[in-house]
């Protein structure tokens, strides 16, 4: 079980298609789910199921992840936004 605290937004730099009212990781991911549903993400890959050489069955899905941004990417975006 993870003991990490959920991420909260201090300041939006860019929101993309997300609503800037989202401040919690939970609300952001819920909106991502709605956007993915609206985009018909199952149609991107189709129905995928395969058996691996380990005997287990696997699916491939499209999902949204929250991960720490690469510092070079952050610098690039901040420079672009100043211009």
PDB file of N, CA and C in Angstrom:
ATOM      1  N   UNK A   1       0.841  -1.177   0.000  1.00  0.00           N
ATOM      2  CA  UNK A   1       0.000   0.000   0.000  1.00  0.00           C
ATOM      3  C   UNK A   1       0.888   1.243   0.000  1.00  0.00           C
ATOM      4  N   UNK A   2       0.601   2.177  -0.870  1.00  0.00           N
ATOM      5  CA  UNK A   2       1.386   3.398  -0.980  1.00  0.00           C
ATOM      6  C   UNK A   2       1.016   4.389   0.120  1.00  0.00           C
ATOM      7  N   UNK A   3       2.035   5.051   0.662  1.00  0.00           N
ATOM      8  CA  UNK A   3       1.786   6.060   1.688  1.00  0.00           C
ATOM      9  C   UNK A   3       1.933   7.474   1.126  1.00  0.00           C
ATOM     10  N   UNK A   4       2.102   7.597  -0.184  1.00  0.00           N
ATOM     11  CA  UNK A   4       2.235   8.912  -0.802  1.00  0.00           C
ATOM     12  C   UNK A   4       0.926   9.686  -0.710  1.00  0.00           C
ATOM     13  N   UNK A   5       1.043  10.987  -0.476  1.00  0.00           N
ATOM     14  CA  UNK A   5      -0.130  11.848  -0.456  1.00  0.00           C
ATOM     15  C   UNK A   5      -0.570  12.122  -1.889  1.00  0.00           C
ATOM     16  N   UNK A   6      -1.869  12.254  -2.119  1.00  0.00           N
ATOM     17  CA  UNK A   6      -2.342  12.605  -3.461  1.00  0.00           C
ATOM     18  C   UNK A   6      -1.786  13.973  -3.870  1.00  0.00           C
ATOM     19  N   UNK A   7      -1.568  14.141  -5.154  1.00  0.00           N
ATOM     20  CA  UNK A   7      -1.052  15.396  -5.696  1.00  0.00           C
ATOM     21  C   UNK A   7      -2.175  16.424  -5.746  1.00  0.00           C
ATOM     22  N   UNK A   8      -1.856  17.663  -5.403  1.00  0.00           N
ATOM     23  CA  UNK A   8      -2.790  18.785  -5.520  1.00  0.00           C
ATOM     24  C   UNK A   8      -2.148  19.841  -6.406  1.00  0.00           C
ATOM     25  N   UNK A   9      -2.956  20.545  -7.186  1.00  0.00           N
ATOM     26  CA  UNK A   9      -2.467  21.584  -8.088  1.00  0.00           C
ATOM     27  C   UNK A   9      -2.257  22.882  -7.312  1.00  0.00           C
ATOM     28  N   UNK A  10      -1.057  23.414  -7.387  1.00  0.00           N
ATOM     29  CA  UNK A  10      -0.761  24.719  -6.793  1.00  0.00           C
ATOM     30  C   UNK A  10      -1.054  25.813  -7.827  1.00  0.00           C
ATOM     31  N   UNK A  11      -0.587  25.595  -9.061  1.00  0.00           N
ATOM     32  CA  UNK A  11      -0.739  26.587 -10.128  1.00  0.00           C
ATOM     33  C   UNK A  11      -0.709  25.871 -11.478  1.00  0.00           C
ATOM     34  N   UNK A  12      -1.713  26.069 -12.283  1.00  0.00           N
ATOM     35  CA  UNK A  12      -1.740  25.496 -13.634  1.00  0.00           C
ATOM     36  C   UNK A  12      -0.828  26.315 -14.543  1.00  0.00           C
ATOM     37  N   UNK A  13      -0.013  25.666 -15.338  1.00  0.00           N
ATOM     38  CA  UNK A  13       0.788  26.317 -16.374  1.00  0.00           C
ATOM     39  C   UNK A  13       0.006  26.236 -17.683  1.00  0.00           C
ATOM     40  N   UNK A  14      -0.397  25.042 -18.046  1.00  0.00           N
ATOM     41  CA  UNK A  14      -1.257  24.782 -19.200  1.00  0.00           C
ATOM     42  C   UNK A  14      -2.270  23.728 -18.782  1.00  0.00           C
ATOM     43  N   UNK A  15      -3.491  23.850 -19.256  1.00  0.00           N
ATOM     44  CA  UNK A  15      -4.519  22.870 -18.878  1.00  0.00           C
ATOM     45  C   UNK A  15      -4.889  21.915 -19.995  1.00  0.00           C
ATOM     46  N   UNK A  16      -4.408  22.175 -21.227  1.00  0.00           N
ATOM     47  CA  UNK A  16      -4.814  21.313 -22.322  1.00  0.00           C
ATOM     48  C   UNK A  16      -6.324  21.333 -22.437  1.00  0.00           C
ATOM     49  N   UNK A  17      -6.949  20.179 -22.440  1.00  0.00           N
ATOM     50  CA  UNK A  17      -8.407  20.065 -22.529  1.00  0.00           C
ATOM     51  C   UNK A  17      -9.060  19.960 -21.156  1.00  0.00           C
ATOM     52  N   UNK A  18      -8.258  20.052 -20.096  1.00  0.00           N
ATOM     53  CA  UNK A  18      -8.792  19.913 -18.745  1.00  0.00           C
ATOM     54  C   UNK A  18      -9.336  21.234 -18.220  1.00  0.00           C
ATOM     55  N   UNK A  19     -10.241  21.147 -17.265  1.00  0.00           N
ATOM     56  CA  UNK A  19     -10.829  22.310 -16.626  1.00  0.00           C
ATOM     57  C   UNK A  19      -9.880  22.798 -15.533  1.00  0.00           C
ATOM     58  N   UNK A  20      -9.535  24.072 -15.535  1.00  0.00           N
ATOM     59  CA  UNK A  20      -8.593  24.607 -14.545  1.00  0.00           C
ATOM     60  C   UNK A  20      -9.168  24.628 -13.136  1.00  0.00           C
ATOM     61  N   UNK A  21     -10.456  24.344 -12.986  1.00  0.00           N
ATOM     62  CA  UNK A  21     -11.052  24.256 -11.644  1.00  0.00           C
ATOM     63  C   UNK A  21     -10.602  23.000 -10.911  1.00  0.00           C
ATOM     64  N   UNK A  22     -10.108  22.013 -11.641  1.00  0.00           N
ATOM     65  CA  UNK A  22      -9.612  20.794 -11.002  1.00  0.00           C
ATOM     66  C   UNK A  22      -8.396  21.133 -10.157  1.00  0.00           C
ATOM     67  N   UNK A  23      -8.405  20.714  -8.922  1.00  0.00           N
ATOM     68  CA  UNK A  23      -7.284  20.979  -8.012  1.00  0.00           C
ATOM     69  C   UNK A  23      -6.739  19.707  -7.374  1.00  0.00           C
ATOM     70  N   UNK A  24      -7.496  18.611  -7.448  1.00  0.00           N
ATOM     71  CA  UNK A  24      -7.037  17.367  -6.820  1.00  0.00           C
ATOM     72  C   UNK A  24      -6.717  16.333  -7.887  1.00  0.00           C
ATOM     73  N   UNK A  25      -5.821  15.433  -7.530  1.00  0.00           N
ATOM     74  CA  UNK A  25      -5.457  14.363  -8.447  1.00  0.00           C
ATOM     75  C   UNK A  25      -6.698  13.553  -8.834  1.00  0.00           C
ATOM     76  N   UNK A  26      -7.565  13.307  -7.861  1.00  0.00           N
ATOM     77  CA  UNK A  26      -8.778  12.535  -8.119  1.00  0.00           C
ATOM     78  C   UNK A  26      -9.667  13.231  -9.160  1.00  0.00           C
ATOM     79  N   UNK A  27      -9.896  14.547  -8.995  1.00  0.00           N
ATOM     80  CA  UNK A  27     -10.775  15.243  -9.943  1.00  0.00           C
ATOM     81  C   UNK A  27     -10.145  15.325 -11.332  1.00  0.00           C
ATOM     82  N   UNK A  28      -8.824  15.463 -11.392  1.00  0.00           N
ATOM     83  CA  UNK A  28      -8.135  15.496 -12.684  1.00  0.00           C
ATOM     84  C   UNK A  28      -8.284  14.154 -13.395  1.00  0.00           C
ATOM     85  N   UNK A  29      -8.035  13.072 -12.678  1.00  0.00           N
ATOM     86  CA  UNK A  29      -8.133  11.750 -13.292  1.00  0.00           C
ATOM     87  C   UNK A  29      -9.569  11.409 -13.686  1.00  0.00           C
ATOM     88  N   UNK A  30     -10.536  11.859 -12.894  1.00  0.00           N
ATOM     89  CA  UNK A  30     -11.940  11.640 -13.268  1.00  0.00           C
ATOM     90  C   UNK A  30     -12.263  12.359 -14.574  1.00  0.00           C
ATOM     91  N   UNK A  31     -11.783  13.609 -14.713  1.00  0.00           N
ATOM     92  CA  UNK A  31     -12.019  14.328 -15.959  1.00  0.00           C
ATOM     93  C   UNK A  31     -11.285  13.666 -17.121  1.00  0.00           C
ATOM     94  N   UNK A  32     -10.079  13.195 -16.880  1.00  0.00           N
ATOM     95  CA  UNK A  32      -9.344  12.469 -17.920  1.00  0.00           C
ATOM     96  C   UNK A  32     -10.144  11.259 -18.383  1.00  0.00           C
ATOM     97  N   UNK A  33     -10.725  10.546 -17.443  1.00  0.00           N
ATOM     98  CA  UNK A  33     -11.546   9.387 -17.793  1.00  0.00           C
ATOM     99  C   UNK A  33     -12.720   9.769 -18.670  1.00  0.00           C
ATOM    100  N   UNK A  34     -13.397  10.875 -18.325  1.00  0.00           N
ATOM    101  CA  UNK A  34     -14.522  11.333 -19.143  1.00  0.00           C
ATOM    102  C   UNK A  34     -14.051  11.716 -20.551  1.00  0.00           C
ATOM    103  N   UNK A  35     -12.905  12.395 -20.640  1.00  0.00           N
ATOM    104  CA  UNK A  35     -12.380  12.782 -21.952  1.00  0.00           C
ATOM    105  C   UNK A  35     -11.973  11.560 -22.770  1.00  0.00           C
ATOM    106  N   UNK A  36     -11.373  10.578 -22.099  1.00  0.00           N
ATOM    107  CA  UNK A  36     -10.996   9.348 -22.804  1.00  0.00           C
ATOM    108  C   UNK A  36     -12.237   8.606 -23.296  1.00  0.00           C
ATOM    109  N   UNK A  37     -13.291   8.565 -22.467  1.00  0.00           N
ATOM    110  CA  UNK A  37     -14.542   7.930 -22.894  1.00  0.00           C
ATOM    111  C   UNK A  37     -15.129   8.664 -24.088  1.00  0.00           C
ATOM    112  N   UNK A  38     -15.117   9.987 -24.034  1.00  0.00           N
ATOM    113  CA  UNK A  38     -15.670  10.812 -25.113  1.00  0.00           C
ATOM    114  C   UNK A  38     -14.889  10.611 -26.409  1.00  0.00           C
ATOM    115  N   UNK A  39     -13.587  10.367 -26.288  1.00  0.00           N
ATOM    116  CA  UNK A  39     -12.734  10.184 -27.464  1.00  0.00           C
ATOM    117  C   UNK A  39     -12.814   8.766 -28.024  1.00  0.00           C
ATOM    118  N   UNK A  40     -13.654   7.929 -27.400  1.00  0.00           N
ATOM    119  CA  UNK A  40     -13.796   6.529 -27.848  1.00  0.00           C
ATOM    120  C   UNK A  40     -12.436   5.826 -27.889  1.00  0.00           C
ATOM    121  N   UNK A  41     -11.696   5.920 -26.813  1.00  0.00           N
ATOM    122  CA  UNK A  41     -10.359   5.336 -26.784  1.00  0.00           C
ATOM    123  C   UNK A  41     -10.314   3.842 -27.112  1.00  0.00           C
ATOM    124  N   UNK A  42     -11.380   3.061 -26.843  1.00  0.00           N
ATOM    125  CA  UNK A  42     -11.296   1.657 -27.272  1.00  0.00           C
ATOM    126  C   UNK A  42     -11.137   1.518 -28.776  1.00  0.00           C
ATOM    127  N   UNK A  43     -11.602   2.525 -29.531  1.00  0.00           N
ATOM    128  CA  UNK A  43     -11.473   2.471 -30.982  1.00  0.00           C
ATOM    129  C   UNK A  43     -10.044   2.698 -31.454  1.00  0.00           C
ATOM    130  N   UNK A  44      -9.202   3.308 -30.625  1.00  0.00           N
ATOM    131  CA  UNK A  44      -7.823   3.576 -31.020  1.00  0.00           C
ATOM    132  C   UNK A  44      -7.076   2.275 -31.276  1.00  0.00           C
ATOM    133  N   UNK A  45      -7.172   1.345 -30.365  1.00  0.00           N
ATOM    134  CA  UNK A  45      -6.448   0.083 -30.467  1.00  0.00           C
ATOM    135  C   UNK A  45      -7.325  -1.083 -30.891  1.00  0.00           C
ATOM    136  N   UNK A  46      -8.633  -0.933 -30.735  1.00  0.00           N
ATOM    137  CA  UNK A  46      -9.515  -2.067 -30.978  1.00  0.00           C
ATOM    138  C   UNK A  46      -9.512  -2.991 -29.771  1.00  0.00           C
ATOM    139  N   UNK A  47     -10.107  -4.153 -29.925  1.00  0.00           N
ATOM    140  CA  UNK A  47     -10.214  -5.130 -28.847  1.00  0.00           C
ATOM    141  C   UNK A  47      -8.952  -5.988 -28.849  1.00  0.00           C
ATOM    142  N   UNK A  48      -8.082  -5.781 -27.865  1.00  0.00           N
ATOM    143  CA  UNK A  48      -6.788  -6.468 -27.823  1.00  0.00           C
ATOM    144  C   UNK A  48      -6.748  -7.430 -26.642  1.00  0.00           C
ATOM    145  N   UNK A  49      -6.427  -8.666 -26.912  1.00  0.00           N
ATOM    146  CA  UNK A  49      -6.229  -9.686 -25.887  1.00  0.00           C
ATOM    147  C   UNK A  49      -5.232 -10.686 -26.432  1.00  0.00           C
ATOM    148  N   UNK A  50      -4.212 -10.993 -25.644  1.00  0.00           N
ATOM    149  CA  UNK A  50      -3.268 -12.017 -26.100  1.00  0.00           C
ATOM    150  C   UNK A  50      -2.756 -12.828 -24.925  1.00  0.00           C
ATOM    151  N   UNK A  51      -2.290 -14.022 -25.242  1.00  0.00           N
ATOM    152  CA  UNK A  51      -1.674 -14.883 -24.234  1.00  0.00           C
ATOM    153  C   UNK A  51      -0.172 -14.769 -24.381  1.00  0.00           C
ATOM    154  N   UNK A  52       0.497 -14.484 -23.268  1.00  0.00           N
ATOM    155  CA  UNK A  52       1.947 -14.377 -23.282  1.00  0.00           C
ATOM    156  C   UNK A  52       2.607 -15.740 -23.151  1.00  0.00           C
ATOM    157  N   UNK A  53       3.902 -15.756 -23.420  1.00  0.00           N
ATOM    158  CA  UNK A  53       4.648 -17.007 -23.294  1.00  0.00           C
ATOM    159  C   UNK A  53       4.703 -17.495 -21.851  1.00  0.00           C
ATOM    160  N   UNK A  54       4.312 -16.608 -20.918  1.00  0.00           N
ATOM    161  CA  UNK A  54       4.270 -17.000 -19.504  1.00  0.00           C
ATOM    162  C   UNK A  54       2.934 -17.643 -19.131  1.00  0.00           C
ATOM    163  N   UNK A  55       2.034 -17.788 -20.125  1.00  0.00           N
ATOM    164  CA  UNK A  55       0.736 -18.409 -19.874  1.00  0.00           C
ATOM    165  C   UNK A  55      -0.329 -17.457 -19.364  1.00  0.00           C
ATOM    166  N   UNK A  56       0.020 -16.200 -19.122  1.00  0.00           N
ATOM    167  CA  UNK A  56      -0.948 -15.209 -18.652  1.00  0.00           C
ATOM    168  C   UNK A  56      -1.583 -14.495 -19.839  1.00  0.00           C
ATOM    169  N   UNK A  57      -2.780 -13.956 -19.616  1.00  0.00           N
ATOM    170  CA  UNK A  57      -3.490 -13.203 -20.652  1.00  0.00           C
ATOM    171  C   UNK A  57      -3.323 -11.710 -20.397  1.00  0.00           C
ATOM    172  N   UNK A  58      -3.186 -10.950 -21.472  1.00  0.00           N
ATOM    173  CA  UNK A  58      -2.935  -9.517 -21.377  1.00  0.00           C
ATOM    174  C   UNK A  58      -3.853  -8.733 -22.304  1.00  0.00           C
ATOM    175  N   UNK A  59      -4.199  -7.524 -21.870  1.00  0.00           N
ATOM    176  CA  UNK A  59      -4.919  -6.566 -22.697  1.00  0.00           C
ATOM    177  C   UNK A  59      -4.025  -5.337 -22.828  1.00  0.00           C
ATOM    178  N   UNK A  60      -4.271  -4.525 -23.840  1.00  0.00           N
ATOM    179  CA  UNK A  60      -3.575  -3.249 -23.990  1.00  0.00           C
ATOM    180  C   UNK A  60      -4.640  -2.164 -23.941  1.00  0.00           C
ATOM    181  N   UNK A  61      -4.422  -1.183 -23.083  1.00  0.00           N
ATOM    182  CA  UNK A  61      -5.402  -0.121 -22.900  1.00  0.00           C
ATOM    183  C   UNK A  61      -4.748   1.248 -23.078  1.00  0.00           C
ATOM    184  N   UNK A  62      -5.577   2.246 -23.301  1.00  0.00           N
ATOM    185  CA  UNK A  62      -5.135   3.637 -23.365  1.00  0.00           C
ATOM    186  C   UNK A  62      -5.542   4.275 -22.046  1.00  0.00           C
ATOM    187  N   UNK A  63      -4.624   5.008 -21.412  1.00  0.00           N
ATOM    188  CA  UNK A  63      -4.924   5.579 -20.110  1.00  0.00           C
ATOM    189  C   UNK A  63      -4.234   6.924 -19.931  1.00  0.00           C
ATOM    190  N   UNK A  64      -4.638   7.638 -18.902  1.00  0.00           N
ATOM    191  CA  UNK A  64      -4.004   8.895 -18.524  1.00  0.00           C
ATOM    192  C   UNK A  64      -3.184   8.652 -17.260  1.00  0.00           C
ATOM    193  N   UNK A  65      -1.974   9.178 -17.224  1.00  0.00           N
ATOM    194  CA  UNK A  65      -1.091   9.015 -16.075  1.00  0.00           C
ATOM    195  C   UNK A  65      -0.656  10.379 -15.561  1.00  0.00           C
ATOM    196  N   UNK A  66      -0.437  10.474 -14.280  1.00  0.00           N
ATOM    197  CA  UNK A  66       0.172  11.655 -13.697  1.00  0.00           C
ATOM    198  C   UNK A  66       1.596  11.270 -13.345  1.00  0.00           C
ATOM    199  N   UNK A  67       2.556  11.980 -13.936  1.00  0.00           N
ATOM    200  CA  UNK A  67       3.950  11.678 -13.644  1.00  0.00           C
ATOM    201  C   UNK A  67       4.748  12.971 -13.584  1.00  0.00           C
ATOM    202  N   UNK A  68       5.878  12.921 -12.905  1.00  0.00           N
ATOM    203  CA  UNK A  68       6.707  14.115 -12.770  1.00  0.00           C
ATOM    204  C   UNK A  68       7.223  14.535 -14.135  1.00  0.00           C
ATOM    205  N   UNK A  69       7.166  15.847 -14.407  1.00  0.00           N
ATOM    206  CA  UNK A  69       7.581  16.383 -15.699  1.00  0.00           C
ATOM    207  C   UNK A  69       9.104  16.438 -15.799  1.00  0.00           C
ATOM    208  N   UNK A  70       9.601  16.172 -16.998  1.00  0.00           N
ATOM    209  CA  UNK A  70      11.018  16.307 -17.292  1.00  0.00           C
ATOM    210  C   UNK A  70      11.387  17.791 -17.172  1.00  0.00           C
ATOM    211  N   UNK A  71      12.444  18.131 -16.433  1.00  0.00           N
ATOM    212  CA  UNK A  71      12.818  19.540 -16.242  1.00  0.00           C
ATOM    213  C   UNK A  71      13.052  20.291 -17.561  1.00  0.00           C
ATOM    214  N   UNK A  72      13.621  19.629 -18.570  1.00  0.00           N
ATOM    215  CA  UNK A  72      13.839  20.283 -19.861  1.00  0.00           C
ATOM    216  C   UNK A  72      12.514  20.650 -20.528  1.00  0.00           C
ATOM    217  N   UNK A  73      11.524  19.778 -20.398  1.00  0.00           N
ATOM    218  CA  UNK A  73      10.192  20.065 -20.939  1.00  0.00           C
ATOM    219  C   UNK A  73       9.588  21.280 -20.238  1.00  0.00           C
ATOM    220  N   UNK A  74       9.714  21.336 -18.909  1.00  0.00           N
ATOM    221  CA  UNK A  74       9.168  22.453 -18.139  1.00  0.00           C
ATOM    222  C   UNK A  74       9.816  23.757 -18.591  1.00  0.00           C
ATOM    223  N   UNK A  75      11.140  23.775 -18.723  1.00  0.00           N
ATOM    224  CA  UNK A  75      11.849  24.976 -19.182  1.00  0.00           C
ATOM    225  C   UNK A  75      11.346  25.422 -20.547  1.00  0.00           C
ATOM    226  N   UNK A  76      11.195  24.457 -21.455  1.00  0.00           N
ATOM    227  CA  UNK A  76      10.738  24.765 -22.814  1.00  0.00           C
ATOM    228  C   UNK A  76       9.346  25.399 -22.798  1.00  0.00           C
ATOM    229  N   UNK A  77       8.429  24.836 -22.036  1.00  0.00           N
ATOM    230  CA  UNK A  77       7.061  25.358 -21.963  1.00  0.00           C
ATOM    231  C   UNK A  77       7.053  26.757 -21.361  1.00  0.00           C
ATOM    232  N   UNK A  78       7.810  26.966 -20.285  1.00  0.00           N
ATOM    233  CA  UNK A  78       7.839  28.282 -19.646  1.00  0.00           C
ATOM    234  C   UNK A  78       8.423  29.342 -20.578  1.00  0.00           C
ATOM    235  N   UNK A  79       9.430  28.982 -21.361  1.00  0.00           N
ATOM    236  CA  UNK A  79      10.004  29.907 -22.336  1.00  0.00           C
ATOM    237  C   UNK A  79       8.975  30.233 -23.410  1.00  0.00           C
ATOM    238  N   UNK A  80       8.295  29.218 -23.927  1.00  0.00           N
ATOM    239  CA  UNK A  80       7.265  29.427 -24.964  1.00  0.00           C
ATOM    240  C   UNK A  80       6.152  30.342 -24.454  1.00  0.00           C
ATOM    241  N   UNK A  81       5.740  30.151 -23.215  1.00  0.00           N
ATOM    242  CA  UNK A  81       4.642  30.942 -22.664  1.00  0.00           C
ATOM    243  C   UNK A  81       5.035  32.396 -22.411  1.00  0.00           C
ATOM    244  N   UNK A  82       6.316  32.646 -22.222  1.00  0.00           N
ATOM    245  CA  UNK A  82       6.775  34.032 -22.034  1.00  0.00           C
ATOM    246  C   UNK A  82       6.807  34.796 -23.357  1.00  0.00           C
ATOM    247  N   UNK A  83       7.001  34.064 -24.448  1.00  0.00           N
ATOM    248  CA  UNK A  83       7.114  34.693 -25.774  1.00  0.00           C
ATOM    249  C   UNK A  83       5.801  35.157 -26.314  1.00  0.00           C
TER     250      UNK A  83
END
